[in-house]
PDB file of N, CA and C in Angstrom:
ATOM      1  N   MET A   1       2.647  -5.084   6.983  1.00  0.00           N
ATOM      2  CA  MET A   1       3.585  -3.983   6.963  1.00  0.00           C
ATOM      3  C   MET A   1       4.184  -3.757   8.349  1.00  0.00           C
ATOM      4  N   ILE A   2       3.330  -3.800   9.333  1.00  0.00           N
ATOM      5  CA  ILE A   2       3.788  -3.572  10.708  1.00  0.00           C
ATOM      6  C   ILE A   2       4.725  -4.697  11.132  1.00  0.00           C
ATOM      7  N   THR A   3       4.316  -5.946  10.895  1.00  0.00           N
ATOM      8  CA  THR A   3       5.147  -7.080  11.314  1.00  0.00           C
ATOM      9  C   THR A   3       6.437  -7.180  10.509  1.00  0.00           C
ATOM     10  N   ASP A   4       6.465  -6.548   9.339  1.00  0.00           N
ATOM     11  CA  ASP A   4       7.680  -6.557   8.510  1.00  0.00           C
ATOM     12  C   ASP A   4       8.600  -5.383   8.810  1.00  0.00           C
ATOM     13  N   GLY A   5       8.298  -4.602   9.862  1.00  0.00           N
ATOM     14  CA  GLY A   5       9.230  -3.577  10.305  1.00  0.00           C
ATOM     15  C   GLY A   5       8.932  -2.156   9.881  1.00  0.00           C
ATOM     16  N   LEU A   6       7.690  -1.874   9.479  1.00  0.00           N
ATOM     17  CA  LEU A   6       7.351  -0.523   9.031  1.00  0.00           C
ATOM     18  C   LEU A   6       7.617   0.537  10.092  1.00  0.00           C
ATOM     19  N   ILE A   7       7.314   0.248  11.333  1.00  0.00           N
ATOM     20  CA  ILE A   7       7.459   1.251  12.399  1.00  0.00           C
ATOM     21  C   ILE A   7       8.924   1.671  12.533  1.00  0.00           C
ATOM     22  N   GLU A   8       9.822   0.704  12.566  1.00  0.00           N
ATOM     23  CA  GLU A   8      11.249   1.014  12.692  1.00  0.00           C
ATOM     24  C   GLU A   8      11.774   1.701  11.432  1.00  0.00           C
ATOM     25  N   GLU A   9      11.324   1.227  10.267  1.00  0.00           N
ATOM     26  CA  GLU A   9      11.768   1.836   9.012  1.00  0.00           C
ATOM     27  C   GLU A   9      11.321   3.291   8.929  1.00  0.00           C
ATOM     28  N   ALA A  10      10.067   3.543   9.287  1.00  0.00           N
ATOM     29  CA  ALA A  10       9.541   4.911   9.244  1.00  0.00           C
ATOM     30  C   ALA A  10      10.301   5.804  10.227  1.00  0.00           C
ATOM     31  N   LYS A  11      10.675   5.244  11.364  1.00  0.00           N
ATOM     32  CA  LYS A  11      11.430   6.037  12.343  1.00  0.00           C
ATOM     33  C   LYS A  11      12.766   6.475  11.753  1.00  0.00           C
ATOM     34  N   SER A  12      13.422   5.582  11.020  1.00  0.00           N
ATOM     35  CA  SER A  12      14.717   5.927  10.429  1.00  0.00           C
ATOM     36  C   SER A  12      14.583   6.932   9.285  1.00  0.00           C
ATOM     37  N   LEU A  13      13.383   7.025   8.717  1.00  0.00           N
ATOM     38  CA  LEU A  13      13.145   7.946   7.599  1.00  0.00           C
ATOM     39  C   LEU A  13      12.410   9.212   8.015  1.00  0.00           C
ATOM     40  N   PHE A  14      12.105   9.323   9.285  1.00  0.00           N
ATOM     41  CA  PHE A  14      11.274  10.430   9.777  1.00  0.00           C
ATOM     42  C   PHE A  14      11.825  11.806   9.395  1.00  0.00           C
ATOM     43  N   ILE A  15      13.131  11.969   9.385  1.00  0.00           N
ATOM     44  CA  ILE A  15      13.708  13.279   9.040  1.00  0.00           C
ATOM     45  C   ILE A  15      13.436  13.644   7.578  1.00  0.00           C
ATOM     46  N   HIS A  16      13.052  12.657   6.770  1.00  0.00           N
ATOM     47  CA  HIS A  16      12.745  12.877   5.351  1.00  0.00           C
ATOM     48  C   HIS A  16      11.239  12.816   5.085  1.00  0.00           C
ATOM     49  N   LYS A  17      10.445  12.944   6.121  1.00  0.00           N
ATOM     50  CA  LYS A  17       9.000  12.706   6.013  1.00  0.00           C
ATOM     51  C   LYS A  17       8.294  13.564   4.969  1.00  0.00           C
ATOM     52  N   ASN A  18       8.870  14.700   4.590  1.00  0.00           N
ATOM     53  CA  ASN A  18       8.212  15.568   3.611  1.00  0.00           C
ATOM     54  C   ASN A  18       8.556  15.225   2.167  1.00  0.00           C
ATOM     55  N   LYS A  19       9.418  14.259   1.960  1.00  0.00           N
ATOM     56  CA  LYS A  19       9.766  13.826   0.605  1.00  0.00           C
ATOM     57  C   LYS A  19       8.560  13.153  -0.040  1.00  0.00           C
ATOM     58  N   ASN A  20       8.385  13.415  -1.317  1.00  0.00           N
ATOM     59  CA  ASN A  20       7.236  12.882  -2.041  1.00  0.00           C
ATOM     60  C   ASN A  20       7.163  11.352  -1.970  1.00  0.00           C
ATOM     61  N   ALA A  21       8.299  10.691  -2.050  1.00  0.00           N
ATOM     62  CA  ALA A  21       8.317   9.230  -2.032  1.00  0.00           C
ATOM     63  C   ALA A  21       7.786   8.651  -0.724  1.00  0.00           C
ATOM     64  N   LEU A  22       7.752   9.443   0.328  1.00  0.00           N
ATOM     65  CA  LEU A  22       7.273   8.965   1.629  1.00  0.00           C
ATOM     66  C   LEU A  22       5.851   9.407   1.923  1.00  0.00           C
ATOM     67  N   GLN A  23       5.163   9.944   0.934  1.00  0.00           N
ATOM     68  CA  GLN A  23       3.773  10.356   1.102  1.00  0.00           C
ATOM     69  C   GLN A  23       2.850   9.235   0.640  1.00  0.00           C
ATOM     70  N   THR A  24       3.139   8.043   1.092  1.00  0.00           N
ATOM     71  CA  THR A  24       2.402   6.859   0.675  1.00  0.00           C
ATOM     72  C   THR A  24       1.725   6.207   1.867  1.00  0.00           C
ATOM     73  N   VAL A  25       0.792   5.310   1.562  1.00  0.00           N
ATOM     74  CA  VAL A  25       0.082   4.591   2.617  1.00  0.00           C
ATOM     75  C   VAL A  25       1.096   3.826   3.458  1.00  0.00           C
ATOM     76  N   GLY A  26       1.002   3.997   4.714  1.00  0.00           N
ATOM     77  CA  GLY A  26       1.900   3.345   5.663  1.00  0.00           C
ATOM     78  C   GLY A  26       2.813   4.371   6.302  1.00  0.00           C
ATOM     79  N   TYR A  27       3.640   4.984   5.490  1.00  0.00           N
ATOM     80  CA  TYR A  27       4.544   5.999   6.033  1.00  0.00           C
ATOM     81  C   TYR A  27       3.765   7.190   6.595  1.00  0.00           C
ATOM     82  N   LYS A  28       2.820   7.708   5.809  1.00  0.00           N
ATOM     83  CA  LYS A  28       2.071   8.892   6.259  1.00  0.00           C
ATOM     84  C   LYS A  28       1.446   8.668   7.625  1.00  0.00           C
ATOM     85  N   GLU A  29       0.832   7.521   7.794  1.00  0.00           N
ATOM     86  CA  GLU A  29       0.131   7.239   9.043  1.00  0.00           C
ATOM     87  C   GLU A  29       1.094   7.063  10.217  1.00  0.00           C
ATOM     88  N   ILE A  30       2.209   6.373   9.975  1.00  0.00           N
ATOM     89  CA  ILE A  30       3.191   6.198  11.047  1.00  0.00           C
ATOM     90  C   ILE A  30       3.842   7.537  11.394  1.00  0.00           C
ATOM     91  N   PHE A  31       4.058   8.390  10.398  1.00  0.00           N
ATOM     92  CA  PHE A  31       4.609   9.714  10.681  1.00  0.00           C
ATOM     93  C   PHE A  31       3.672  10.525  11.565  1.00  0.00           C
ATOM     94  N   THR A  32       2.353  10.365  11.387  1.00  0.00           N
ATOM     95  CA  THR A  32       1.428  11.087  12.276  1.00  0.00           C
ATOM     96  C   THR A  32       1.575  10.579  13.710  1.00  0.00           C
ATOM     97  N   PHE A  33       1.855   9.293  13.856  1.00  0.00           N
ATOM     98  CA  PHE A  33       2.116   8.735  15.186  1.00  0.00           C
ATOM     99  C   PHE A  33       3.385   9.356  15.777  1.00  0.00           C
ATOM    100  N   TYR A  34       4.459   9.427  14.990  1.00  0.00           N
ATOM    101  CA  TYR A  34       5.705  10.004  15.484  1.00  0.00           C
ATOM    102  C   TYR A  34       5.591  11.504  15.741  1.00  0.00           C
ATOM    103  N   ASN A  35       4.615  12.156  15.115  1.00  0.00           N
ATOM    104  CA  ASN A  35       4.348  13.577  15.377  1.00  0.00           C
ATOM    105  C   ASN A  35       3.427  13.761  16.574  1.00  0.00           C
ATOM    106  N   ASN A  36       3.080  12.669  17.261  1.00  0.00           N
ATOM    107  CA  ASN A  36       2.162  12.691  18.408  1.00  0.00           C
ATOM    108  C   ASN A  36       0.787  13.230  18.033  1.00  0.00           C
ATOM    109  N   GLU A  37       0.369  12.961  16.793  1.00  0.00           N
ATOM    110  CA  GLU A  37      -0.951  13.389  16.333  1.00  0.00           C
ATOM    111  C   GLU A  37      -1.996  12.296  16.525  1.00  0.00           C
ATOM    112  N   CYS A  38      -1.533  11.070  16.816  1.00  0.00           N
ATOM    113  CA  CYS A  38      -2.452   9.964  17.055  1.00  0.00           C
ATOM    114  C   CYS A  38      -1.701   8.875  17.798  1.00  0.00           C
ATOM    115  N   THR A  39      -2.442   7.888  18.260  1.00  0.00           N
ATOM    116  CA  THR A  39      -1.824   6.740  18.916  1.00  0.00           C
ATOM    117  C   THR A  39      -1.341   5.760  17.850  1.00  0.00           C
ATOM    118  N   LEU A  40      -0.515   4.815  18.255  1.00  0.00           N
ATOM    119  CA  LEU A  40      -0.061   3.794  17.320  1.00  0.00           C
ATOM    120  C   LEU A  40      -1.248   2.975  16.813  1.00  0.00           C
ATOM    121  N   GLU A  41      -2.179   2.683  17.697  1.00  0.00           N
ATOM    122  CA  GLU A  41      -3.354   1.908  17.304  1.00  0.00           C
ATOM    123  C   GLU A  41      -4.163   2.663  16.248  1.00  0.00           C
ATOM    124  N   GLU A  42      -4.325   3.978  16.427  1.00  0.00           N
ATOM    125  CA  GLU A  42      -5.041   4.778  15.433  1.00  0.00           C
ATOM    126  C   GLU A  42      -4.285   4.808  14.108  1.00  0.00           C
ATOM    127  N   ALA A  43      -2.971   4.907  14.174  1.00  0.00           N
ATOM    128  CA  ALA A  43      -2.168   4.909  12.949  1.00  0.00           C
ATOM    129  C   ALA A  43      -2.331   3.598  12.194  1.00  0.00           C
ATOM    130  N   VAL A  44      -2.304   2.486  12.914  1.00  0.00           N
ATOM    131  CA  VAL A  44      -2.477   1.180  12.278  1.00  0.00           C
ATOM    132  C   VAL A  44      -3.868   1.066  11.660  1.00  0.00           C
ATOM    133  N   GLU A  45      -4.897   1.511  12.363  1.00  0.00           N
ATOM    134  CA  GLU A  45      -6.251   1.486  11.805  1.00  0.00           C
ATOM    135  C   GLU A  45      -6.341   2.362  10.555  1.00  0.00           C
ATOM    136  N   ASN A  46      -5.673   3.510  10.572  1.00  0.00           N
ATOM    137  CA  ASN A  46      -5.671   4.386   9.398  1.00  0.00           C
ATOM    138  C   ASN A  46      -4.925   3.750   8.223  1.00  0.00           C
ATOM    139  N   ILE A  47      -3.872   3.007   8.513  1.00  0.00           N
ATOM    140  CA  ILE A  47      -3.173   2.279   7.452  1.00  0.00           C
ATOM    141  C   ILE A  47      -4.121   1.275   6.808  1.00  0.00           C
ATOM    142  N   LYS A  48      -4.839   0.541   7.631  1.00  0.00           N
ATOM    143  CA  LYS A  48      -5.791  -0.448   7.105  1.00  0.00           C
ATOM    144  C   LYS A  48      -6.854   0.225   6.246  1.00  0.00           C
ATOM    145  N   LYS A  49      -7.420   1.303   6.753  1.00  0.00           N
ATOM    146  CA  LYS A  49      -8.472   2.019   6.032  1.00  0.00           C
ATOM    147  C   LYS A  49      -7.941   2.580   4.716  1.00  0.00           C
ATOM    148  N   ASN A  50      -6.791   3.224   4.769  1.00  0.00           N
ATOM    149  CA  ASN A  50      -6.248   3.854   3.572  1.00  0.00           C
ATOM    150  C   ASN A  50      -5.749   2.835   2.557  1.00  0.00           C
ATOM    151  N   THR A  51      -5.304   1.672   3.024  1.00  0.00           N
ATOM    152  CA  THR A  51      -4.914   0.596   2.110  1.00  0.00           C
ATOM    153  C   THR A  51      -6.131   0.092   1.356  1.00  0.00           C
ATOM    154  N   ARG A  52      -7.253  -0.078   2.063  1.00  0.00           N
ATOM    155  CA  ARG A  52      -8.486  -0.515   1.393  1.00  0.00           C
ATOM    156  C   ARG A  52      -8.932   0.504   0.363  1.00  0.00           C
ATOM    157  N   ARG A  53      -8.863   1.775   0.696  1.00  0.00           N
ATOM    158  CA  ARG A  53      -9.257   2.829  -0.234  1.00  0.00           C
ATOM    159  C   ARG A  53      -8.348   2.844  -1.466  1.00  0.00           C
ATOM    160  N   PHE A  54      -7.047   2.693  -1.245  1.00  0.00           N
ATOM    161  CA  PHE A  54      -6.100   2.678  -2.352  1.00  0.00           C
ATOM    162  C   PHE A  54      -6.367   1.492  -3.275  1.00  0.00           C
ATOM    163  N   ALA A  55      -6.604   0.328  -2.684  1.00  0.00           N
ATOM    164  CA  ALA A  55      -6.888  -0.875  -3.475  1.00  0.00           C
ATOM    165  C   ALA A  55      -8.160  -0.688  -4.298  1.00  0.00           C
ATOM    166  N   LYS A  56      -9.161  -0.047  -3.716  1.00  0.00           N
ATOM    167  CA  LYS A  56     -10.409   0.198  -4.445  1.00  0.00           C
ATOM    168  C   LYS A  56     -10.166   1.122  -5.636  1.00  0.00           C
ATOM    169  N   ARG A  57      -9.348   2.162  -5.445  1.00  0.00           N
ATOM    170  CA  ARG A  57      -9.026   3.065  -6.556  1.00  0.00           C
ATOM    171  C   ARG A  57      -8.251   2.326  -7.647  1.00  0.00           C
ATOM    172  N   GLN A  58      -7.342   1.439  -7.252  1.00  0.00           N
ATOM    173  CA  GLN A  58      -6.602   0.664  -8.238  1.00  0.00           C
ATOM    174  C   GLN A  58      -7.530  -0.228  -9.048  1.00  0.00           C
ATOM    175  N   LEU A  59      -8.447  -0.911  -8.370  1.00  0.00           N
ATOM    176  CA  LEU A  59      -9.383  -1.771  -9.076  1.00  0.00           C
ATOM    177  C   LEU A  59     -10.242  -0.970 -10.043  1.00  0.00           C
ATOM    178  N   THR A  60     -10.693   0.190  -9.610  1.00  0.00           N
ATOM    179  CA  THR A  60     -11.491   1.046 -10.491  1.00  0.00           C
ATOM    180  C   THR A  60     -10.691   1.414 -11.728  1.00  0.00           C
ATOM    181  N   TRP A  61      -9.440   1.780 -11.543  1.00  0.00           N
ATOM    182  CA  TRP A  61      -8.584   2.166 -12.663  1.00  0.00           C
ATOM    183  C   TRP A  61      -8.386   0.999 -13.618  1.00  0.00           C
ATOM    184  N   PHE A  62      -8.071  -0.185 -13.084  1.00  0.00           N
ATOM    185  CA  PHE A  62      -7.849  -1.351 -13.933  1.00  0.00           C
ATOM    186  C   PHE A  62      -9.114  -1.769 -14.667  1.00  0.00           C
ATOM    187  N   ARG A  63     -10.261  -1.660 -14.031  1.00  0.00           N
ATOM    188  CA  ARG A  63     -11.514  -2.058 -14.684  1.00  0.00           C
ATOM    189  C   ARG A  63     -11.842  -1.158 -15.865  1.00  0.00           C
ATOM    190  N   LYS A  64     -11.403   0.088 -15.820  1.00  0.00           N
ATOM    191  CA  LYS A  64     -11.644   1.008 -16.928  1.00  0.00           C
ATOM    192  C   LYS A  64     -10.716   0.735 -18.111  1.00  0.00           C
ATOM    193  N   ASP A  65      -9.597   0.062 -17.868  1.00  0.00           N
ATOM    194  CA  ASP A  65      -8.611  -0.222 -18.911  1.00  0.00           C
ATOM    195  C   ASP A  65      -9.017  -1.485 -19.658  1.00  0.00           C
ATOM    196  N   GLU A  66      -9.414  -1.326 -20.907  1.00  0.00           N
ATOM    197  CA  GLU A  66      -9.879  -2.468 -21.693  1.00  0.00           C
ATOM    198  C   GLU A  66      -8.774  -3.476 -21.988  1.00  0.00           C
ATOM    199  N   ASN A  67      -7.519  -3.082 -21.849  1.00  0.00           N
ATOM    200  CA  ASN A  67      -6.404  -3.983 -22.120  1.00  0.00           C
ATOM    201  C   ASN A  67      -6.015  -4.843 -20.919  1.00  0.00           C
ATOM    202  N   THR A  68      -6.658  -4.617 -19.790  1.00  0.00           N
ATOM    203  CA  THR A  68      -6.360  -5.410 -18.599  1.00  0.00           C
ATOM    204  C   THR A  68      -6.950  -6.800 -18.752  1.00  0.00           C
ATOM    205  N   LYS A  69      -6.146  -7.802 -18.541  1.00  0.00           N
ATOM    206  CA  LYS A  69      -6.581  -9.197 -18.605  1.00  0.00           C
ATOM    207  C   LYS A  69      -6.620  -9.732 -17.185  1.00  0.00           C
ATOM    208  N   TRP A  70      -7.758 -10.233 -16.760  1.00  0.00           N
ATOM    209  CA  TRP A  70      -7.930 -10.734 -15.401  1.00  0.00           C
ATOM    210  C   TRP A  70      -7.786 -12.249 -15.370  1.00  0.00           C
ATOM    211  N   PHE A  71      -7.138 -12.752 -14.328  1.00  0.00           N
ATOM    212  CA  PHE A  71      -6.973 -14.178 -14.122  1.00  0.00           C
ATOM    213  C   PHE A  71      -7.363 -14.525 -12.693  1.00  0.00           C
ATOM    214  N   GLU A  72      -7.760 -15.767 -12.519  1.00  0.00           N
ATOM    215  CA  GLU A  72      -7.972 -16.317 -11.193  1.00  0.00           C
ATOM    216  C   GLU A  72      -6.650 -16.965 -10.761  1.00  0.00           C
ATOM    217  N   PRO A  73      -6.382 -17.025  -9.455  1.00  0.00           N
ATOM    218  CA  PRO A  73      -5.101 -17.575  -8.991  1.00  0.00           C
ATOM    219  C   PRO A  73      -4.805 -18.990  -9.492  1.00  0.00           C
ATOM    220  N   HIS A  74      -5.832 -19.793  -9.688  1.00  0.00           N
ATOM    221  CA  HIS A  74      -5.616 -21.179 -10.116  1.00  0.00           C
ATOM    222  C   HIS A  74      -5.285 -21.296 -11.611  1.00  0.00           C
ATOM    223  N   GLN A  75      -5.331 -20.227 -12.363  1.00  0.00           N
ATOM    224  CA  GLN A  75      -5.111 -20.260 -13.808  1.00  0.00           C
ATOM    225  C   GLN A  75      -3.636 -20.064 -14.170  1.00  0.00           C
ATOM    226  N   ILE A  76      -2.758 -20.756 -13.474  1.00  0.00           N
ATOM    227  CA  ILE A  76      -1.328 -20.554 -13.653  1.00  0.00           C
ATOM    228  C   ILE A  76      -0.883 -20.843 -15.087  1.00  0.00           C
ATOM    229  N   ASN A  77      -1.426 -21.878 -15.716  1.00  0.00           N
ATOM    230  CA  ASN A  77      -1.025 -22.199 -17.086  1.00  0.00           C
ATOM    231  C   ASN A  77      -1.479 -21.111 -18.059  1.00  0.00           C
ATOM    232  N   GLU A  78      -2.678 -20.572 -17.858  1.00  0.00           N
ATOM    233  CA  GLU A  78      -3.169 -19.495 -18.707  1.00  0.00           C
ATOM    234  C   GLU A  78      -2.321 -18.226 -18.529  1.00  0.00           C
ATOM    235  N   ILE A  79      -1.910 -17.986 -17.301  1.00  0.00           N
ATOM    236  CA  ILE A  79      -1.057 -16.811 -17.025  1.00  0.00           C
ATOM    237  C   ILE A  79       0.284 -16.974 -17.734  1.00  0.00           C
ATOM    238  N   LYS A  80       0.881 -18.165 -17.632  1.00  0.00           N
ATOM    239  CA  LYS A  80       2.161 -18.415 -18.286  1.00  0.00           C
ATOM    240  C   LYS A  80       2.041 -18.244 -19.798  1.00  0.00           C
ATOM    241  N   THR A  81       0.973 -18.757 -20.360  1.00  0.00           N
ATOM    242  CA  THR A  81       0.769 -18.607 -21.796  1.00  0.00           C
ATOM    243  C   THR A  81       0.610 -17.143 -22.160  1.00  0.00           C
ATOM    244  N   PHE A  82      -0.141 -16.410 -21.379  1.00  0.00           N
ATOM    245  CA  PHE A  82      -0.395 -14.993 -21.654  1.00  0.00           C
ATOM    246  C   PHE A  82       0.905 -14.176 -21.648  1.00  0.00           C
ATOM    247  N   ILE A  83       1.793 -14.463 -20.689  1.00  0.00           N
ATOM    248  CA  ILE A  83       3.034 -13.692 -20.608  1.00  0.00           C
ATOM    249  C   ILE A  83       4.170 -14.302 -21.432  1.00  0.00           C
ATOM    250  N   GLY A  84       3.906 -15.433 -22.048  1.00  0.00           N
ATOM    251  CA  GLY A  84       4.897 -16.038 -22.930  1.00  0.00           C
ATOM    252  C   GLY A  84       5.989 -16.806 -22.235  1.00  0.00           C
ATOM    253  N   VAL A  85       5.648 -17.464 -21.149  1.00  0.00           N
ATOM    254  CA  VAL A  85       6.648 -18.271 -20.429  1.00  0.00           C
ATOM    255  C   VAL A  85       6.436 -19.726 -20.737  1.00  0.00           C
TER     256      VAL A  85
END
């Protein structure tokens, strides 16, 4: 996210920081940096931490859904068959 320009993008959106769409992992942490509430290094570490937490919540949600079909990356033919390609 950082190498793809998150810091500059967040700076251009800073005036809209209270919009619901910007209350997501990445923006929130960079906005705290722009508010001088933390260092850039702390913001990046918080992005990493919060991304891991978000991913864990997603996995928990998907595991509870009995309709979720899991594939391994090497199962490309099975994936194509499953989606009808």
